[in-house]
Amino acid sequence: MKKVLILSDRRAGHFNQSLAVAEAIKSFGPVEEVYVEVKVKKLGKYLLRILLNSRMGQKLFKSRPSLKMIQIFYEGYEWDGQPDIIISAGKDTSLLNAMLALMYGSTNFFIGHPKKLDHSLFSTVLTVLDLGFDNQIVLNVAPTRSYNGDLRVFATTYDLDPQYEYYTLLIGGDGSGYRFEEEDIEQLITFVNATADKVKWLITTSRRTPEAYEAKMEKEMQAECFIAFNKNPQKVVAGFLELSTTVFVTEESASMVSEGVAFRKPVVTLSPEHHDADKNYQKILQKFSTEKRIQRVEISKLENFKTDLEDFRLLELDSCKEIAKKLKYHLLEETS
């Protein structure tokens, strides 16, 4: 049985992507999963990046696998085992992912752009965009696990009826070049309330949602179910998505947009007046838009917005099946 080490930077979106890749790997045989939450040390990460990108540093790590050396650069790493496979997402885990692979000769997967690290430090880089790497797998959408709970129990818990037509609204906050003002929130409330007689809304905020905006929306939005995440955090996104026919999501969150697409639901992304996403994220949004996975709408124009579900092209495979299919031909020898 292979040991699969999943590194987490404490960000749920990144961790869930890693879990999705691990789930795909299980299709090749039984695995033992180990989860480690880590935090890169500020001064250590600059030195570690230099070492990893140099031949001298790579030789050093290959010759001296030790827990103490790992702890020079990272907090929270206490596991003294040897992984067969390493999986992680997010720049703060990329360095440790590469370092451990050198130390133990492990197969390692990194999800996303490795930024300033040499991409050859990873066995495979999984991306949504074609980065031109010789070791990449280009996916339709970021790795996402399908809903694996009991939908009837979930619906009963939140007093919902699976027979109803629900719309999900996932609300984030400032980040990735997007900035929300009170006017954006007012317009969002107006849109939800204007449509509440036709569809039943399932709404959740996130850790990025300013508490003042969250309280205002909880009080004024006519939702069938509203989860104020900062006040009472609950993991409802997957259940909401599974129950819903259509998904609306604030556009700044790459993970929330990807989850909606991965659940094979029509996704409408909502942008505030002030937004300026970086080039890579713009390319991802443009790819989704061109492929008709999403429709992009400015919140200020929601009043006249109408969506036609026939305009969307939904994914044929769920995310884990797509990853497994591509791994089968790309890396079966390394994972067997």
Protein backbone atom coordinates (compact mmCIF):
# COMPACT_ATOMS: atom_id res chain seq x y z
CA MET A 1 0.00 0.00 0.00
CA LYS A 2 1.42 3.35 -1.05
CA LYS A 3 1.67 6.25 1.40
CA VAL A 4 0.22 9.47 0.00
CA LEU A 5 1.28 12.63 1.82
CA ILE A 6 -1.07 15.59 1.40
CA LEU A 7 0.40 18.95 2.41
CA SER A 8 -1.97 21.71 3.49
CA ASP A 9 -1.37 25.45 3.85
CA ARG A 10 -4.57 25.69 5.94
CA ARG A 11 -6.54 27.03 2.96
CA ALA A 12 -9.60 24.88 2.36
CA GLY A 13 -9.67 25.48 -1.40
CA HIS A 14 -6.10 24.24 -1.85
CA PHE A 15 -6.57 21.29 0.50
CA ASN A 16 -9.74 20.14 -1.26
CA GLN A 17 -7.95 20.20 -4.62
CA SER A 18 -5.26 17.92 -3.19
CA LEU A 19 -7.90 15.56 -1.80
CA ALA A 20 -9.47 15.35 -5.26
CA VAL A 21 -6.13 14.27 -6.81
CA ALA A 22 -5.67 11.71 -4.02
CA GLU A 23 -9.14 10.35 -4.75
CA ALA A 24 -8.23 9.95 -8.42
CA ILE A 25 -5.01 8.11 -7.49
CA LYS A 26 -7.03 5.60 -5.44
CA SER A 27 -8.43 4.26 -8.71
CA PHE A 28 -4.97 2.72 -9.32
CA GLY A 29 -4.91 0.82 -6.04
CA PRO A 30 -5.18 1.17 -2.25
CA VAL A 31 -3.36 4.04 -0.55
CA GLU A 32 -2.73 5.24 2.98
CA GLU A 33 -3.29 9.00 3.27
CA VAL A 34 -1.31 11.23 5.62
CA TYR A 35 -2.32 14.89 6.13
CA VAL A 36 0.11 17.52 7.39
CA GLU A 37 -0.66 21.22 7.92
CA VAL A 38 2.41 23.40 7.53
CA LYS A 39 3.47 27.03 7.51
CA VAL A 40 6.54 28.20 5.63
CA LYS A 41 8.94 30.38 7.64
CA LYS A 42 9.40 33.86 6.17
CA LEU A 43 13.16 33.96 6.05
CA GLY A 44 13.44 30.27 5.23
CA LYS A 45 11.38 30.36 2.05
CA TYR A 46 13.73 32.67 0.19
CA LEU A 47 16.77 30.52 0.97
CA LEU A 48 14.84 27.32 0.23
CA ARG A 49 13.76 28.60 -3.18
CA ILE A 50 17.37 29.43 -4.09
CA LEU A 51 18.54 25.99 -2.96
CA LEU A 52 15.80 24.12 -4.81
CA ASN A 53 16.54 25.92 -8.06
CA SER A 54 20.27 25.11 -7.84
CA ARG A 55 22.07 21.84 -8.51
CA MET A 56 24.05 22.21 -5.29
CA GLY A 57 20.89 22.57 -3.22
CA GLN A 58 19.22 19.63 -4.93
CA LYS A 59 22.25 17.43 -4.19
CA LEU A 60 22.14 18.56 -0.56
CA PHE A 61 18.52 17.51 -0.10
CA LYS A 62 19.01 14.18 -1.89
CA SER A 63 21.93 13.28 0.36
CA ARG A 64 20.49 14.41 3.71
CA PRO A 65 16.86 13.45 4.30
CA SER A 66 16.08 14.54 7.87
CA LEU A 67 13.17 15.90 9.86
CA LYS A 68 15.38 18.58 11.40
CA MET A 69 16.32 19.96 7.99
CA ILE A 70 12.65 20.20 7.02
CA GLN A 71 11.89 22.08 10.24
CA ILE A 72 14.50 24.72 9.41
CA PHE A 73 12.16 25.98 6.70
CA TYR A 74 8.68 24.94 7.86
CA GLU A 75 6.56 24.99 11.01
CA GLY A 76 4.16 22.15 11.74
CA TYR A 77 5.96 19.30 9.97
CA GLU A 78 6.33 16.51 12.54
CA TRP A 79 5.69 13.38 10.46
CA ASP A 80 8.84 11.26 10.30
CA GLY A 81 7.70 8.91 7.56
CA GLN A 82 8.66 8.37 3.94
CA PRO A 83 5.96 9.19 1.36
CA ASP A 84 5.60 7.37 -1.93
CA ILE A 85 3.48 10.16 -3.39
CA ILE A 86 3.24 13.85 -2.38
CA ILE A 87 0.34 16.12 -3.32
CA SER A 88 -0.15 19.83 -2.65
CA ALA A 89 -1.58 23.09 -3.98
CA GLY A 90 -0.64 26.68 -3.22
CA LYS A 91 2.75 28.40 -3.38
CA ASP A 92 3.39 28.01 0.37
CA THR A 93 3.45 24.21 0.01
CA SER A 94 5.26 24.04 -3.32
CA LEU A 95 8.72 24.40 -1.75
CA LEU A 96 8.19 21.63 0.80
CA ASN A 97 6.60 19.42 -1.84
CA ALA A 98 9.73 19.69 -4.02
CA MET A 99 12.11 19.36 -1.06
CA LEU A 100 10.51 16.15 0.22
CA ALA A 101 10.47 14.62 -3.26
CA LEU A 102 14.22 15.19 -3.52
CA MET A 103 14.83 13.76 -0.05
CA TYR A 104 12.79 10.59 -0.47
CA GLY A 105 12.67 10.08 -4.22
CA SER A 106 8.89 10.41 -4.13
CA THR A 107 6.51 10.95 -7.01
CA ASN A 108 5.12 14.45 -6.47
CA PHE A 109 2.13 16.32 -7.84
CA PHE A 110 1.67 20.07 -7.65
CA ILE A 111 -1.63 21.74 -8.51
CA GLY A 112 -1.35 25.16 -10.14
CA HIS A 113 1.52 27.31 -11.38
CA PRO A 114 4.80 26.65 -9.47
CA LYS A 115 5.67 30.34 -9.99
CA LYS A 116 9.38 30.91 -9.27
CA LEU A 117 10.22 27.23 -8.85
CA ASP A 118 11.63 25.07 -11.64
CA HIS A 119 8.67 22.99 -12.85
CA SER A 120 10.95 19.96 -13.29
CA LEU A 121 11.09 19.67 -9.48
CA PHE A 122 7.67 18.03 -9.74
CA SER A 123 6.75 14.73 -11.37
CA THR A 124 3.60 16.37 -12.69
CA VAL A 125 2.07 19.83 -12.58
CA LEU A 126 -1.73 19.86 -12.86
CA THR A 127 -3.08 23.07 -14.36
CA VAL A 128 -6.17 24.56 -15.97
CA LEU A 129 -4.06 26.64 -18.37
CA ASP A 130 -1.47 25.29 -20.79
CA LEU A 131 1.83 26.54 -19.35
CA GLY A 132 3.98 24.80 -21.94
CA PHE A 133 5.60 22.42 -19.42
CA ASP A 134 6.66 18.98 -20.57
CA ASN A 135 5.40 17.47 -17.30
CA GLN A 136 1.97 19.09 -17.06
CA ILE A 137 -1.55 17.73 -17.27
CA VAL A 138 -4.05 20.33 -18.47
CA LEU A 139 -7.46 19.86 -16.86
CA ASN A 140 -10.86 21.21 -17.79
CA VAL A 141 -11.28 22.54 -14.26
CA ALA A 142 -9.28 22.63 -11.02
CA PRO A 143 -9.39 19.31 -9.12
CA THR A 144 -12.67 19.02 -7.23
CA ARG A 145 -14.28 16.15 -5.37
CA SER A 146 -17.87 15.30 -6.19
CA TYR A 147 -20.43 15.27 -3.40
CA ASN A 148 -20.00 12.08 -1.38
CA GLY A 149 -22.44 12.66 1.47
CA ASP A 150 -26.03 11.57 1.96
CA LEU A 151 -28.06 14.27 0.21
CA ARG A 152 -31.26 13.30 2.01
CA VAL A 153 -29.60 13.74 5.40
CA PHE A 154 -28.09 17.07 4.28
CA ALA A 155 -31.45 18.31 3.04
CA THR A 156 -33.18 17.28 6.25
CA THR A 157 -30.51 18.99 8.36
CA TYR A 158 -31.18 22.32 6.63
CA ASP A 159 -34.93 21.78 6.19
CA LEU A 160 -34.69 21.62 2.39
CA ASP A 161 -36.64 19.56 -0.14
CA PRO A 162 -34.56 17.89 -2.91
CA GLN A 163 -37.61 18.13 -5.19
CA TYR A 164 -37.53 21.95 -5.24
CA GLU A 165 -35.60 24.06 -7.72
CA TYR A 166 -32.80 25.80 -5.86
CA TYR A 167 -30.24 28.38 -6.93
CA THR A 168 -26.98 28.63 -5.01
CA LEU A 169 -25.21 31.93 -4.32
CA LEU A 170 -21.62 31.75 -3.04
CA ILE A 171 -20.41 35.08 -1.67
CA GLY A 172 -16.76 35.90 -1.05
CA GLY A 173 -15.15 39.27 -0.52
CA ASP A 174 -12.16 41.43 -1.36
CA GLY A 175 -9.23 39.67 -2.99
CA SER A 176 -7.57 38.76 -6.29
CA GLY A 177 -7.97 42.35 -7.50
CA TYR A 178 -11.68 42.58 -6.63
CA ARG A 179 -13.08 45.10 -4.14
CA PHE A 180 -16.67 45.16 -2.90
CA GLU A 181 -18.48 48.33 -1.85
CA GLU A 182 -21.80 48.69 -0.03
CA GLU A 183 -23.52 49.53 -3.32
CA ASP A 184 -22.48 46.13 -4.72
CA ILE A 185 -24.05 44.42 -1.71
CA GLU A 186 -27.23 46.46 -2.03
CA GLN A 187 -27.55 45.47 -5.69
CA LEU A 188 -26.93 41.81 -4.82
CA ILE A 189 -29.68 41.91 -2.19
CA THR A 190 -32.07 43.56 -4.66
CA PHE A 191 -31.43 40.85 -7.27
CA VAL A 192 -31.96 37.96 -4.86
CA ASN A 193 -35.16 39.44 -3.47
CA ALA A 194 -36.53 40.25 -6.93
CA THR A 195 -36.17 36.60 -7.97
CA ALA A 196 -37.10 34.94 -4.66
CA ASP A 197 -40.70 34.37 -5.80
CA LYS A 198 -39.46 32.22 -8.71
CA VAL A 199 -36.54 30.26 -7.22
CA LYS A 200 -35.42 29.28 -3.75
CA TRP A 201 -31.98 30.63 -2.84
CA LEU A 202 -29.29 28.72 -0.92
CA ILE A 203 -26.68 31.27 0.15
CA THR A 204 -23.41 31.11 2.04
CA THR A 205 -20.78 33.74 2.73
CA SER A 206 -17.11 32.91 3.31
CA ARG A 207 -14.23 33.84 5.60
CA ARG A 208 -13.42 36.77 3.26
CA THR A 209 -16.86 38.35 3.53
CA PRO A 210 -16.76 41.52 5.69
CA GLU A 211 -18.89 40.89 8.78
CA ALA A 212 -20.90 44.10 8.31
CA TYR A 213 -21.89 43.05 4.78
CA GLU A 214 -22.60 39.52 5.97
CA ALA A 215 -24.95 40.76 8.71
CA LYS A 216 -26.78 43.04 6.27
CA MET A 217 -27.30 40.24 3.74
CA GLU A 218 -28.42 37.76 6.39
CA LYS A 219 -31.02 40.24 7.61
CA GLU A 220 -32.32 41.45 4.24
CA MET A 221 -31.91 38.64 1.71
CA GLN A 222 -34.96 36.45 1.13
CA ALA A 223 -33.14 33.13 1.14
CA GLU A 224 -34.45 29.64 1.78
CA CYS A 225 -31.21 29.00 3.65
CA PHE A 226 -28.55 31.58 4.55
CA ILE A 227 -25.26 30.58 6.19
CA ALA A 228 -23.35 33.47 7.75
CA PHE A 229 -19.96 31.79 7.65
CA ASN A 230 -18.07 34.20 9.91
CA LYS A 231 -20.75 33.93 12.61
CA ASN A 232 -21.43 30.22 12.27
CA PRO A 233 -19.02 28.43 9.87
CA GLN A 234 -20.56 25.38 8.24
CA LYS A 235 -19.39 23.24 5.33
CA VAL A 236 -22.43 23.50 3.07
CA VAL A 237 -21.02 24.40 -0.35
CA ALA A 238 -20.92 20.88 -1.78
CA GLY A 239 -24.42 20.11 -0.53
CA PHE A 240 -25.81 23.38 -1.89
CA LEU A 241 -24.19 22.76 -5.27
CA GLU A 242 -25.53 19.22 -5.46
CA LEU A 243 -29.08 20.42 -4.73
CA SER A 244 -29.03 23.38 -7.11
CA THR A 245 -29.82 23.72 -10.79
CA THR A 246 -27.81 26.94 -11.22
CA VAL A 247 -24.90 28.53 -9.38
CA PHE A 248 -24.10 32.21 -8.86
CA VAL A 249 -20.70 33.03 -7.38
CA THR A 250 -18.71 36.20 -6.74
CA GLU A 251 -15.95 36.15 -9.30
CA GLU A 252 -12.89 36.79 -7.11
CA SER A 253 -12.81 33.22 -5.81
CA ALA A 254 -11.11 30.86 -8.24
CA SER A 255 -11.90 27.88 -6.01
CA MET A 256 -15.63 28.68 -5.74
CA VAL A 257 -15.94 29.29 -9.49
CA SER A 258 -14.11 26.02 -10.19
CA GLU A 259 -16.30 24.09 -7.77
CA GLY A 260 -19.43 25.27 -9.54
CA VAL A 261 -18.05 24.27 -12.94
CA ALA A 262 -16.76 20.94 -11.60
CA PHE A 263 -20.21 20.09 -10.24
CA ARG A 264 -21.40 20.36 -13.84
CA LYS A 265 -23.85 23.16 -13.14
CA PRO A 266 -24.41 26.40 -15.10
CA VAL A 267 -22.27 29.03 -13.34
CA VAL A 268 -22.84 32.79 -13.37
CA THR A 269 -19.90 34.80 -12.01
CA LEU A 270 -20.59 38.17 -10.41
CA SER A 271 -18.06 41.01 -10.40
CA PRO A 272 -18.23 44.24 -8.36
CA GLU A 273 -17.64 47.63 -9.93
CA HIS A 274 -13.99 47.62 -8.84
CA HIS A 275 -12.15 44.61 -10.24
CA ASP A 276 -8.77 44.00 -11.83
CA ALA A 277 -7.79 40.32 -11.77
CA ASP A 278 -4.23 39.30 -12.63
CA LYS A 279 -3.43 37.97 -16.11
CA ASN A 280 -3.42 34.28 -15.23
CA TYR A 281 -6.79 34.42 -13.51
CA GLN A 282 -8.23 36.46 -16.38
CA LYS A 283 -7.06 33.71 -18.73
CA ILE A 284 -8.82 31.06 -16.64
CA LEU A 285 -12.06 33.07 -16.60
CA GLN A 286 -11.78 33.69 -20.34
CA LYS A 287 -11.20 29.97 -20.95
CA PHE A 288 -14.30 29.07 -18.94
CA SER A 289 -16.30 31.76 -20.73
CA THR A 290 -15.14 30.71 -24.21
CA GLU A 291 -15.96 27.07 -23.43
CA LYS A 292 -19.41 28.22 -22.21
CA ARG A 293 -18.83 26.89 -18.70
CA ILE A 294 -19.65 30.27 -17.14
CA GLN A 295 -21.42 33.55 -17.88
CA ARG A 296 -19.74 36.67 -16.49
CA VAL A 297 -21.98 39.49 -15.24
CA GLU A 298 -21.32 42.74 -13.44
CA ILE A 299 -23.39 43.04 -10.27
CA SER A 300 -24.58 46.48 -11.37
CA LYS A 301 -26.21 44.87 -14.44
CA LEU A 302 -28.02 42.08 -12.62
CA GLU A 303 -31.32 43.94 -12.71
CA ASN A 304 -31.74 43.16 -16.42
CA PHE A 305 -29.88 39.85 -16.42
CA LYS A 306 -31.52 36.71 -17.78
CA THR A 307 -29.72 33.42 -18.17
CA ASP A 308 -30.57 30.72 -20.67
CA LEU A 309 -29.46 27.29 -19.49
CA GLU A 310 -29.15 26.20 -23.12
CA ASP A 311 -26.21 28.61 -23.47
CA PHE A 312 -24.01 26.48 -21.18
CA ARG A 313 -21.87 23.47 -22.07
CA LEU A 314 -21.42 21.33 -18.96
CA LEU A 315 -18.45 19.05 -18.35
CA GLU A 316 -18.82 15.46 -19.53
CA LEU A 317 -16.72 13.92 -16.73
CA ASP A 318 -16.53 14.83 -13.08
CA SER A 319 -13.17 16.18 -11.96
CA CYS A 320 -11.79 13.03 -10.30
CA LYS A 321 -12.67 10.85 -13.27
CA GLU A 322 -10.98 13.30 -15.64
CA ILE A 323 -7.80 13.31 -13.52
CA ALA A 324 -7.77 9.51 -13.27
CA LYS A 325 -8.27 9.16 -17.02
CA LYS A 326 -5.37 11.50 -17.79
CA LEU A 327 -3.10 10.00 -15.13
CA LYS A 328 -3.70 6.55 -16.56
CA TYR A 329 -1.94 7.46 -19.79
CA HIS A 330 0.44 10.06 -18.40
CA LEU A 331 1.79 8.61 -15.18
CA LEU A 332 0.57 5.07 -14.64
CA GLU A 333 4.11 3.71 -14.44
CA GLU A 334 5.11 6.21 -11.75
CA THR A 335 2.07 5.54 -9.58
CA SER A 336 2.00 1.77 -9.91
